[in-house]
Amino acid sequence: MRVARPLLVLVLAAGCGCGHAAVDEALAPLCGTWRHDDGYSVTEHWWPMPGGLQGRSALADPAGKIVELEDMTLTALRGGLTRYHAEPSGQAPTDFTEVRDPAVVAAPDERVWIWDNPTHDFPRRIVYRLAGDRLTATVSNPDGDPAQRAGKTWEYRRTAACAL
């Protein structure tokens, strides 16, 4: 019975969202549906969960057939930072921890999130830049070859508001 009591406390805390209001507020601008089109389309959908956001990304070919799915979560860490947990289809789950990088400067009216995992092969860094209804997502490896340093960037537009 000693195990059940801590487990019950965790379940109750998760259910009420206790202690996560600041993170929810900080991540709230990402909540909703985002779409990138360049022949292939990528739709990223984020919705609230206790302590952060849960998401799913779908890549569709030009005919509209989904060819790849990725499940994601953004959750609170101590110190006001977040963790980006990615589960790409066919690959091992990976965690990225939010960092502050003084070399990455937000433009006026822009919000920037940077997540790093220096031990991951690729990507090692995920950067989201949000300005109004435009979201730019870049994956890269700052220590890799020139192509990995440049990375891959998607330009999203918001297509639906957050469903609370």
Protein backbone atom coordinates (compact mmCIF):
# COMPACT_ATOMS: atom_id res chain seq x y z
CA MET A 1 0.00 0.00 0.00
CA ARG A 2 3.01 2.33 0.38
CA VAL A 3 3.37 2.51 -3.43
CA ALA A 4 -0.30 3.31 -3.99
CA ARG A 5 -0.30 6.49 -1.89
CA PRO A 6 2.49 8.33 -3.87
CA LEU A 7 0.91 7.12 -7.10
CA LEU A 8 -2.48 8.51 -6.04
CA VAL A 9 -0.85 11.88 -5.25
CA LEU A 10 0.76 11.97 -8.70
CA VAL A 11 -2.49 11.10 -10.43
CA LEU A 12 -4.40 13.78 -8.52
CA ALA A 13 -1.72 16.43 -9.16
CA ALA A 14 -1.66 15.64 -12.88
CA GLY A 15 -5.44 15.74 -13.08
CA CYS A 16 -5.74 19.19 -11.54
CA GLY A 17 -2.81 20.73 -13.40
CA CYS A 18 -1.37 21.92 -10.07
CA GLY A 19 1.85 23.87 -10.37
CA HIS A 20 1.82 24.05 -14.17
CA ALA A 21 -0.03 27.31 -14.85
CA ALA A 22 3.13 29.24 -15.79
CA VAL A 23 4.20 26.60 -18.31
CA ASP A 24 0.72 26.34 -19.80
CA GLU A 25 0.69 30.13 -20.14
CA ALA A 26 4.15 30.18 -21.72
CA LEU A 27 3.26 27.47 -24.25
CA ALA A 28 -0.30 28.66 -24.92
CA PRO A 29 0.66 30.55 -28.10
CA LEU A 30 1.68 27.24 -29.73
CA CYS A 31 -1.69 25.62 -29.03
CA GLY A 32 -3.76 25.10 -32.19
CA THR A 33 -3.26 23.75 -35.70
CA TRP A 34 -0.39 24.78 -37.98
CA ARG A 35 0.13 23.89 -41.67
CA HIS A 36 3.13 24.02 -44.01
CA ASP A 37 2.75 23.38 -47.76
CA ASP A 38 5.49 22.90 -50.35
CA GLY A 39 4.00 20.11 -52.49
CA TYR A 40 4.07 17.90 -49.44
CA SER A 41 2.11 19.23 -46.48
CA VAL A 42 2.91 19.11 -42.78
CA THR A 43 0.16 19.66 -40.24
CA GLU A 44 1.15 20.14 -36.62
CA HIS A 45 -1.65 20.11 -34.06
CA TRP A 46 -1.09 21.03 -30.38
CA TRP A 47 -3.71 20.76 -27.61
CA PRO A 48 -3.59 21.37 -23.84
CA MET A 49 -2.70 18.67 -21.34
CA PRO A 50 -1.87 19.02 -17.65
CA GLY A 51 1.55 20.64 -17.46
CA GLY A 52 1.95 21.56 -21.11
CA LEU A 53 0.85 20.61 -24.60
CA GLN A 54 0.41 17.37 -26.47
CA GLY A 55 0.86 17.30 -30.22
CA ARG A 56 0.83 15.30 -33.41
CA SER A 57 2.50 16.08 -36.71
CA ALA A 58 1.44 14.50 -40.00
CA LEU A 59 3.36 14.61 -43.28
CA ALA A 60 1.19 14.08 -46.37
CA ASP A 61 2.36 13.54 -49.94
CA PRO A 62 1.01 15.69 -52.81
CA ALA A 63 -1.94 13.27 -53.21
CA GLY A 64 -2.87 13.80 -49.53
CA LYS A 65 -1.72 10.37 -48.31
CA ILE A 66 -0.18 10.51 -44.82
CA VAL A 67 3.34 9.12 -45.06
CA GLU A 68 4.68 9.97 -41.61
CA LEU A 69 3.32 10.68 -38.12
CA GLU A 70 5.05 12.06 -35.06
CA ASP A 71 3.65 12.32 -31.54
CA MET A 72 5.05 15.07 -29.33
CA THR A 73 4.66 16.60 -25.89
CA LEU A 74 5.87 19.83 -24.35
CA THR A 75 6.08 19.59 -20.55
CA ALA A 76 7.31 21.64 -17.62
CA LEU A 77 10.74 21.35 -16.07
CA ARG A 78 12.06 23.05 -12.94
CA GLY A 79 13.22 26.59 -13.50
CA GLY A 80 10.49 27.51 -15.98
CA LEU A 81 11.93 25.62 -18.94
CA THR A 82 10.25 22.86 -20.97
CA ARG A 83 11.00 19.45 -22.44
CA TYR A 84 10.15 18.58 -26.04
CA HIS A 85 9.48 14.84 -26.29
CA ALA A 86 9.33 13.55 -29.88
CA GLU A 87 8.22 10.11 -31.07
CA PRO A 88 8.76 10.07 -34.84
CA SER A 89 7.24 7.11 -36.69
CA GLY A 90 9.72 4.26 -36.96
CA GLN A 91 12.32 5.90 -34.71
CA ALA A 92 13.22 5.87 -31.03
CA PRO A 93 11.60 8.52 -28.79
CA THR A 94 13.88 11.46 -28.01
CA ASP A 95 13.82 14.25 -25.43
CA PHE A 96 15.08 17.78 -26.04
CA THR A 97 15.53 20.24 -23.15
CA GLU A 98 14.76 23.93 -23.55
CA VAL A 99 17.82 26.16 -23.38
CA ARG A 100 18.51 29.88 -23.47
CA ASP A 101 20.94 30.89 -26.22
CA PRO A 102 22.01 34.55 -26.21
CA ALA A 103 23.03 34.18 -29.88
CA VAL A 104 19.37 33.59 -30.82
CA VAL A 105 17.58 36.92 -30.59
CA ALA A 106 13.82 37.24 -30.95
CA ALA A 107 12.53 39.89 -33.33
CA PRO A 108 10.01 42.43 -31.99
CA ASP A 109 6.66 40.68 -31.30
CA GLU A 110 8.29 37.26 -31.70
CA ARG A 111 8.53 34.39 -29.19
CA VAL A 112 11.39 31.88 -29.51
CA TRP A 113 11.75 28.39 -27.98
CA ILE A 114 15.02 26.44 -28.33
CA TRP A 115 15.34 22.77 -27.38
CA ASP A 116 18.66 20.87 -27.45
CA ASN A 117 19.83 17.29 -27.16
CA PRO A 118 23.62 17.26 -27.65
CA THR A 119 23.77 13.43 -27.64
CA HIS A 120 21.19 12.88 -30.41
CA ASP A 121 22.40 12.17 -33.95
CA PHE A 122 20.04 14.50 -35.85
CA PRO A 123 18.53 16.83 -35.03
CA ARG A 124 20.33 18.10 -31.98
CA ARG A 125 18.44 21.39 -31.88
CA ILE A 126 14.81 22.37 -32.48
CA VAL A 127 13.93 26.06 -32.73
CA TYR A 128 10.37 27.42 -32.89
CA ARG A 129 9.87 31.10 -33.77
CA LEU A 130 6.33 32.41 -33.37
CA ALA A 131 5.13 35.77 -34.70
CA GLY A 132 1.36 36.23 -34.82
CA ASP A 133 -0.13 33.40 -36.89
CA ARG A 134 3.20 32.33 -38.38
CA LEU A 135 5.37 29.63 -36.85
CA THR A 136 8.83 28.78 -38.14
CA ALA A 137 10.27 25.43 -37.03
CA THR A 138 13.90 24.55 -37.68
CA VAL A 139 15.76 21.33 -36.88
CA SER A 140 19.55 21.32 -37.07
CA ASN A 141 22.86 20.12 -35.68
CA PRO A 142 24.98 23.16 -34.78
CA ASP A 143 28.09 20.93 -34.60
CA GLY A 144 27.45 18.93 -37.79
CA ASP A 145 28.47 19.25 -41.41
CA PRO A 146 27.30 22.33 -43.38
CA ALA A 147 23.99 20.70 -44.38
CA GLN A 148 23.24 19.69 -40.77
CA ARG A 149 24.18 23.15 -39.47
CA ALA A 150 21.75 24.74 -41.94
CA GLY A 151 19.14 22.12 -41.04
CA LYS A 152 15.57 21.99 -42.33
CA THR A 153 12.99 24.73 -41.84
CA TRP A 154 9.21 24.65 -42.12
CA GLU A 155 7.11 27.82 -42.39
CA TYR A 156 3.69 27.19 -40.82
CA ARG A 157 0.51 29.25 -40.81
CA ARG A 158 -2.12 28.85 -38.11
CA THR A 159 -5.19 27.15 -39.57
CA ALA A 160 -7.20 26.62 -36.37
CA ALA A 161 -7.22 28.11 -32.89
CA CYS A 162 -6.57 26.15 -29.74
CA ALA A 163 -9.43 23.83 -28.76
CA LEU A 164 -9.76 24.13 -24.99
